[in-house]
Amino acid sequence: MTEAETKLWQYLRNRKFHNLKFLRQHPVIYQITNQNPNYYIADFYCSEKKVIVELDGKIHDFQKEKDEFRDSILTGMGIRILRLKNEETDDIFVTLGKIKEFIFGNG
């Protein structure tokens, strides 16, 4: 895991975040071909809310089309994706607020 992922994981693990179960580096299978699963690895996945939280480093500046294609497949499966930049974890409480808002909205 990156430094940013390690930092965020400390707040998401063991149901610390609103009692939601998050898995890190979790494979999400989107297709099976000849008994072989095709999958994407989610940085953080909450199956209870069908939410993926992705922390993007600089490399993602150069692979926007690839990320958009991946996201379209996953959203087609009913999974919502929140993409944050690694730097956003510098203020972890703002980041956690963004995740809370994304999952629960204004309610």
N, C-alpha and C. Protein backbone atom coordinates (compact mmCIF):
# COMPACT_ATOMS: atom_id res chain seq x y z
N MET A 1 0.83 -1.18 0.00
CA MET A 1 0.00 0.00 0.00
C MET A 1 0.88 1.25 0.00
N THR A 2 0.33 2.29 -0.57
CA THR A 2 1.04 3.57 -0.55
C THR A 2 0.92 4.17 0.86
N GLU A 3 1.68 5.22 1.09
CA GLU A 3 1.61 5.90 2.39
C GLU A 3 0.20 6.43 2.64
N ALA A 4 -0.41 7.00 1.61
CA ALA A 4 -1.77 7.54 1.74
C ALA A 4 -2.77 6.42 2.05
N GLU A 5 -2.64 5.29 1.38
CA GLU A 5 -3.54 4.16 1.64
C GLU A 5 -3.37 3.63 3.06
N THR A 6 -2.13 3.54 3.50
CA THR A 6 -1.87 3.08 4.87
C THR A 6 -2.52 4.01 5.89
N LYS A 7 -2.40 5.29 5.64
CA LYS A 7 -2.98 6.29 6.53
C LYS A 7 -4.50 6.15 6.59
N LEU A 8 -5.15 6.08 5.43
CA LEU A 8 -6.61 5.96 5.39
C LEU A 8 -7.08 4.64 5.98
N TRP A 9 -6.34 3.57 5.73
CA TRP A 9 -6.71 2.26 6.22
C TRP A 9 -6.83 2.23 7.75
N GLN A 10 -6.03 3.01 8.42
CA GLN A 10 -6.09 3.05 9.89
C GLN A 10 -7.46 3.52 10.38
N TYR A 11 -8.17 4.28 9.55
CA TYR A 11 -9.49 4.80 9.94
C TYR A 11 -10.64 3.96 9.39
N LEU A 12 -10.38 3.17 8.36
CA LEU A 12 -11.45 2.36 7.74
C LEU A 12 -11.49 0.93 8.27
N ARG A 13 -10.39 0.44 8.77
CA ARG A 13 -10.29 -0.99 9.13
C ARG A 13 -11.09 -1.30 10.39
N ASN A 14 -11.42 -2.58 10.51
CA ASN A 14 -12.10 -3.10 11.71
C ASN A 14 -13.38 -2.36 12.07
N ARG A 15 -14.11 -1.95 11.05
CA ARG A 15 -15.40 -1.27 11.25
C ARG A 15 -15.30 0.02 12.07
N LYS A 16 -14.15 0.68 12.01
CA LYS A 16 -13.96 1.93 12.74
C LYS A 16 -14.74 3.08 12.12
N PHE A 17 -15.04 2.99 10.84
CA PHE A 17 -15.72 4.06 10.13
C PHE A 17 -17.20 3.75 10.00
N HIS A 18 -18.01 4.31 10.88
CA HIS A 18 -19.47 4.15 10.87
C HIS A 18 -19.90 2.68 10.86
N ASN A 19 -19.09 1.86 11.49
CA ASN A 19 -19.36 0.42 11.62
C ASN A 19 -19.50 -0.30 10.26
N LEU A 20 -18.87 0.25 9.23
CA LEU A 20 -18.90 -0.37 7.90
C LEU A 20 -17.67 -1.24 7.72
N LYS A 21 -17.86 -2.37 7.07
CA LYS A 21 -16.76 -3.29 6.79
C LYS A 21 -16.11 -2.90 5.47
N PHE A 22 -14.87 -2.45 5.53
CA PHE A 22 -14.09 -2.16 4.33
C PHE A 22 -13.02 -3.23 4.16
N LEU A 23 -12.79 -3.59 2.92
CA LEU A 23 -11.71 -4.50 2.57
C LEU A 23 -10.71 -3.71 1.75
N ARG A 24 -9.42 -3.98 1.94
CA ARG A 24 -8.40 -3.26 1.18
C ARG A 24 -7.83 -4.17 0.11
N GLN A 25 -7.44 -3.54 -1.00
CA GLN A 25 -6.87 -4.27 -2.14
C GLN A 25 -7.74 -5.48 -2.48
N HIS A 26 -9.02 -5.21 -2.62
CA HIS A 26 -10.01 -6.28 -2.82
C HIS A 26 -10.32 -6.48 -4.30
N PRO A 27 -10.22 -7.72 -4.80
CA PRO A 27 -10.58 -7.97 -6.20
C PRO A 27 -12.09 -7.96 -6.39
N VAL A 28 -12.55 -7.20 -7.37
CA VAL A 28 -13.96 -7.15 -7.72
C VAL A 28 -14.09 -7.81 -9.09
N ILE A 29 -14.70 -8.98 -9.11
CA ILE A 29 -14.84 -9.75 -10.35
C ILE A 29 -15.96 -9.13 -11.20
N TYR A 30 -15.66 -8.86 -12.46
CA TYR A 30 -16.67 -8.28 -13.34
C TYR A 30 -17.05 -9.22 -14.49
N GLN A 31 -16.29 -10.29 -14.69
CA GLN A 31 -16.58 -11.21 -15.79
C GLN A 31 -15.78 -12.49 -15.56
N ILE A 32 -16.35 -13.61 -16.00
CA ILE A 32 -15.62 -14.88 -15.96
C ILE A 32 -15.56 -15.43 -17.38
N THR A 33 -14.35 -15.66 -17.85
CA THR A 33 -14.12 -16.17 -19.20
C THR A 33 -13.37 -17.48 -19.09
N ASN A 34 -13.94 -18.54 -19.65
CA ASN A 34 -13.32 -19.87 -19.60
C ASN A 34 -12.91 -20.23 -18.17
N GLN A 35 -13.80 -19.99 -17.24
CA GLN A 35 -13.62 -20.27 -15.82
C GLN A 35 -12.52 -19.43 -15.16
N ASN A 36 -12.04 -18.41 -15.85
CA ASN A 36 -11.04 -17.51 -15.28
C ASN A 36 -11.70 -16.16 -15.00
N PRO A 37 -11.60 -15.71 -13.76
CA PRO A 37 -12.23 -14.42 -13.44
C PRO A 37 -11.42 -13.23 -13.95
N ASN A 38 -12.12 -12.25 -14.47
CA ASN A 38 -11.52 -10.95 -14.79
C ASN A 38 -11.93 -10.01 -13.67
N TYR A 39 -10.99 -9.28 -13.14
CA TYR A 39 -11.30 -8.45 -11.98
C TYR A 39 -10.46 -7.19 -11.96
N TYR A 40 -10.94 -6.25 -11.17
CA TYR A 40 -10.19 -5.05 -10.86
C TYR A 40 -9.92 -5.07 -9.36
N ILE A 41 -8.79 -4.53 -8.97
CA ILE A 41 -8.44 -4.43 -7.55
C ILE A 41 -8.87 -3.06 -7.05
N ALA A 42 -9.77 -3.07 -6.07
CA ALA A 42 -10.23 -1.83 -5.46
C ALA A 42 -9.32 -1.50 -4.28
N ASP A 43 -8.93 -0.25 -4.16
CA ASP A 43 -8.12 0.15 -3.00
C ASP A 43 -8.87 -0.19 -1.71
N PHE A 44 -10.12 0.27 -1.63
CA PHE A 44 -10.97 -0.01 -0.46
C PHE A 44 -12.37 -0.29 -0.97
N TYR A 45 -12.96 -1.39 -0.51
CA TYR A 45 -14.29 -1.79 -0.97
C TYR A 45 -15.19 -2.09 0.21
N CYS A 46 -16.38 -1.52 0.17
CA CYS A 46 -17.41 -1.78 1.18
C CYS A 46 -18.58 -2.44 0.48
N SER A 47 -18.74 -3.75 0.67
CA SER A 47 -19.83 -4.46 -0.01
C SER A 47 -21.19 -4.08 0.55
N GLU A 48 -21.25 -3.70 1.83
CA GLU A 48 -22.52 -3.31 2.44
C GLU A 48 -23.15 -2.12 1.72
N LYS A 49 -22.33 -1.21 1.26
CA LYS A 49 -22.81 0.00 0.57
C LYS A 49 -22.49 -0.02 -0.92
N LYS A 50 -21.83 -1.08 -1.39
CA LYS A 50 -21.40 -1.18 -2.79
C LYS A 50 -20.64 0.08 -3.20
N VAL A 51 -19.60 0.38 -2.41
CA VAL A 51 -18.79 1.59 -2.62
C VAL A 51 -17.32 1.20 -2.68
N ILE A 52 -16.64 1.81 -3.64
CA ILE A 52 -15.19 1.71 -3.75
C ILE A 52 -14.61 3.09 -3.50
N VAL A 53 -13.56 3.14 -2.68
CA VAL A 53 -12.80 4.36 -2.49
C VAL A 53 -11.43 4.12 -3.10
N GLU A 54 -11.09 4.95 -4.07
CA GLU A 54 -9.80 4.86 -4.76
C GLU A 54 -8.95 6.05 -4.38
N LEU A 55 -7.71 5.80 -4.01
CA LEU A 55 -6.74 6.87 -3.80
C LEU A 55 -5.80 6.89 -4.99
N ASP A 56 -5.81 7.98 -5.70
CA ASP A 56 -5.06 8.08 -6.95
C ASP A 56 -3.78 8.88 -6.77
N GLY A 57 -2.69 8.29 -7.23
CA GLY A 57 -1.41 8.97 -7.28
C GLY A 57 -1.22 9.64 -8.62
N LYS A 58 -0.04 10.16 -8.85
CA LYS A 58 0.27 10.91 -10.09
C LYS A 58 0.08 10.07 -11.35
N ILE A 59 0.29 8.76 -11.25
CA ILE A 59 0.16 7.89 -12.43
C ILE A 59 -1.22 8.01 -13.07
N HIS A 60 -2.23 8.28 -12.25
CA HIS A 60 -3.60 8.36 -12.76
C HIS A 60 -3.81 9.59 -13.65
N ASP A 61 -2.91 10.57 -13.56
CA ASP A 61 -2.98 11.73 -14.46
C ASP A 61 -2.75 11.30 -15.91
N PHE A 62 -2.09 10.16 -16.09
CA PHE A 62 -1.72 9.70 -17.42
C PHE A 62 -2.54 8.50 -17.90
N GLN A 63 -3.51 8.08 -17.11
CA GLN A 63 -4.32 6.92 -17.52
C GLN A 63 -5.81 7.18 -17.28
N LYS A 64 -6.23 8.41 -17.59
CA LYS A 64 -7.62 8.80 -17.34
C LYS A 64 -8.61 7.94 -18.12
N GLU A 65 -8.31 7.63 -19.38
CA GLU A 65 -9.22 6.81 -20.19
C GLU A 65 -9.35 5.41 -19.61
N LYS A 66 -8.25 4.85 -19.19
CA LYS A 66 -8.27 3.51 -18.58
C LYS A 66 -9.11 3.52 -17.31
N ASP A 67 -8.93 4.54 -16.48
CA ASP A 67 -9.71 4.65 -15.24
C ASP A 67 -11.20 4.84 -15.54
N GLU A 68 -11.52 5.66 -16.54
CA GLU A 68 -12.92 5.89 -16.91
C GLU A 68 -13.57 4.60 -17.40
N PHE A 69 -12.85 3.81 -18.19
CA PHE A 69 -13.36 2.53 -18.69
C PHE A 69 -13.63 1.58 -17.52
N ARG A 70 -12.66 1.48 -16.63
CA ARG A 70 -12.78 0.64 -15.44
C ARG A 70 -13.98 1.07 -14.61
N ASP A 71 -14.09 2.38 -14.38
CA ASP A 71 -15.20 2.90 -13.58
C ASP A 71 -16.55 2.62 -14.24
N SER A 72 -16.61 2.70 -15.56
CA SER A 72 -17.89 2.45 -16.24
C SER A 72 -18.32 0.99 -16.08
N ILE A 73 -17.38 0.07 -16.10
CA ILE A 73 -17.72 -1.34 -15.88
C ILE A 73 -18.23 -1.53 -14.46
N LEU A 74 -17.53 -0.97 -13.49
CA LEU A 74 -17.91 -1.14 -12.09
C LEU A 74 -19.22 -0.44 -11.76
N THR A 75 -19.44 0.76 -12.29
CA THR A 75 -20.70 1.44 -12.03
C THR A 75 -21.85 0.71 -12.71
N GLY A 76 -21.57 0.05 -13.82
CA GLY A 76 -22.58 -0.79 -14.48
C GLY A 76 -23.00 -1.97 -13.62
N MET A 77 -22.17 -2.31 -12.66
CA MET A 77 -22.49 -3.39 -11.72
C MET A 77 -23.19 -2.84 -10.46
N GLY A 78 -23.47 -1.53 -10.47
CA GLY A 78 -24.14 -0.92 -9.33
C GLY A 78 -23.20 -0.48 -8.22
N ILE A 79 -21.91 -0.41 -8.51
CA ILE A 79 -20.92 0.01 -7.52
C ILE A 79 -20.64 1.49 -7.73
N ARG A 80 -20.66 2.24 -6.65
CA ARG A 80 -20.32 3.66 -6.71
C ARG A 80 -18.84 3.83 -6.36
N ILE A 81 -18.18 4.76 -7.05
CA ILE A 81 -16.73 4.93 -6.89
C ILE A 81 -16.42 6.37 -6.51
N LEU A 82 -15.66 6.51 -5.45
CA LEU A 82 -15.16 7.81 -5.03
C LEU A 82 -13.67 7.82 -5.26
N ARG A 83 -13.22 8.73 -6.12
CA ARG A 83 -11.79 8.88 -6.40
C ARG A 83 -11.27 10.10 -5.66
N LEU A 84 -10.22 9.88 -4.91
CA LEU A 84 -9.55 10.95 -4.18
C LEU A 84 -8.08 10.94 -4.54
N LYS A 85 -7.44 12.07 -4.45
CA LYS A 85 -6.01 12.14 -4.69
C LYS A 85 -5.27 11.79 -3.39
N ASN A 86 -4.12 11.16 -3.53
CA ASN A 86 -3.32 10.80 -2.37
C ASN A 86 -3.12 11.98 -1.42
N GLU A 87 -2.89 13.17 -2.00
CA GLU A 87 -2.61 14.35 -1.19
C GLU A 87 -3.78 14.72 -0.28
N GLU A 88 -4.98 14.30 -0.65
CA GLU A 88 -6.15 14.64 0.15
C GLU A 88 -6.10 14.01 1.54
N THR A 89 -5.31 12.95 1.69
CA THR A 89 -5.20 12.31 3.01
C THR A 89 -4.31 13.11 3.95
N ASP A 90 -3.69 14.18 3.45
CA ASP A 90 -2.90 15.04 4.34
C ASP A 90 -3.78 15.58 5.46
N ASP A 91 -5.03 15.89 5.13
CA ASP A 91 -6.01 16.26 6.16
C ASP A 91 -7.02 15.11 6.21
N ILE A 92 -6.68 14.10 6.98
CA ILE A 92 -7.45 12.85 6.99
C ILE A 92 -8.90 13.06 7.40
N PHE A 93 -9.15 14.04 8.25
CA PHE A 93 -10.52 14.25 8.71
C PHE A 93 -11.40 14.87 7.63
N VAL A 94 -10.82 15.69 6.77
CA VAL A 94 -11.55 16.20 5.61
C VAL A 94 -11.84 15.03 4.66
N THR A 95 -10.86 14.16 4.47
CA THR A 95 -11.04 12.99 3.61
C THR A 95 -12.15 12.09 4.14
N LEU A 96 -12.14 11.83 5.43
CA LEU A 96 -13.18 10.99 6.03
C LEU A 96 -14.56 11.65 5.88
N GLY A 97 -14.60 12.97 5.97
CA GLY A 97 -15.86 13.68 5.75
C GLY A 97 -16.37 13.51 4.33
N LYS A 98 -15.46 13.54 3.36
CA LYS A 98 -15.85 13.34 1.95
C LYS A 98 -16.39 11.93 1.75
N ILE A 99 -15.75 10.95 2.37
CA ILE A 99 -16.21 9.57 2.24
C ILE A 99 -17.58 9.41 2.89
N LYS A 100 -17.76 9.99 4.06
CA LYS A 100 -19.06 9.93 4.75
C LYS A 100 -20.14 10.57 3.89
N GLU A 101 -19.87 11.74 3.35
CA GLU A 101 -20.85 12.43 2.50
C GLU A 101 -21.18 11.61 1.27
N PHE A 102 -20.16 10.99 0.67
CA PHE A 102 -20.38 10.17 -0.53
C PHE A 102 -21.27 8.97 -0.22
N ILE A 103 -21.05 8.34 0.92
CA ILE A 103 -21.82 7.14 1.27
C ILE A 103 -23.22 7.48 1.76
N PHE A 104 -23.30 8.45 2.66
CA PHE A 104 -24.57 8.72 3.33
C PHE A 104 -25.32 9.93 2.81
N GLY A 105 -24.65 10.81 2.07
CA GLY A 105 -25.30 12.01 1.58
C GLY A 105 -25.65 12.97 2.71
N ASN A 106 -26.62 13.79 2.50
CA ASN A 106 -27.01 14.81 3.49
C ASN A 106 -27.92 14.27 4.56
N GLY A 107 -28.37 13.02 4.43
CA GLY A 107 -29.35 12.49 5.36
C GLY A 107 -28.80 12.21 6.69
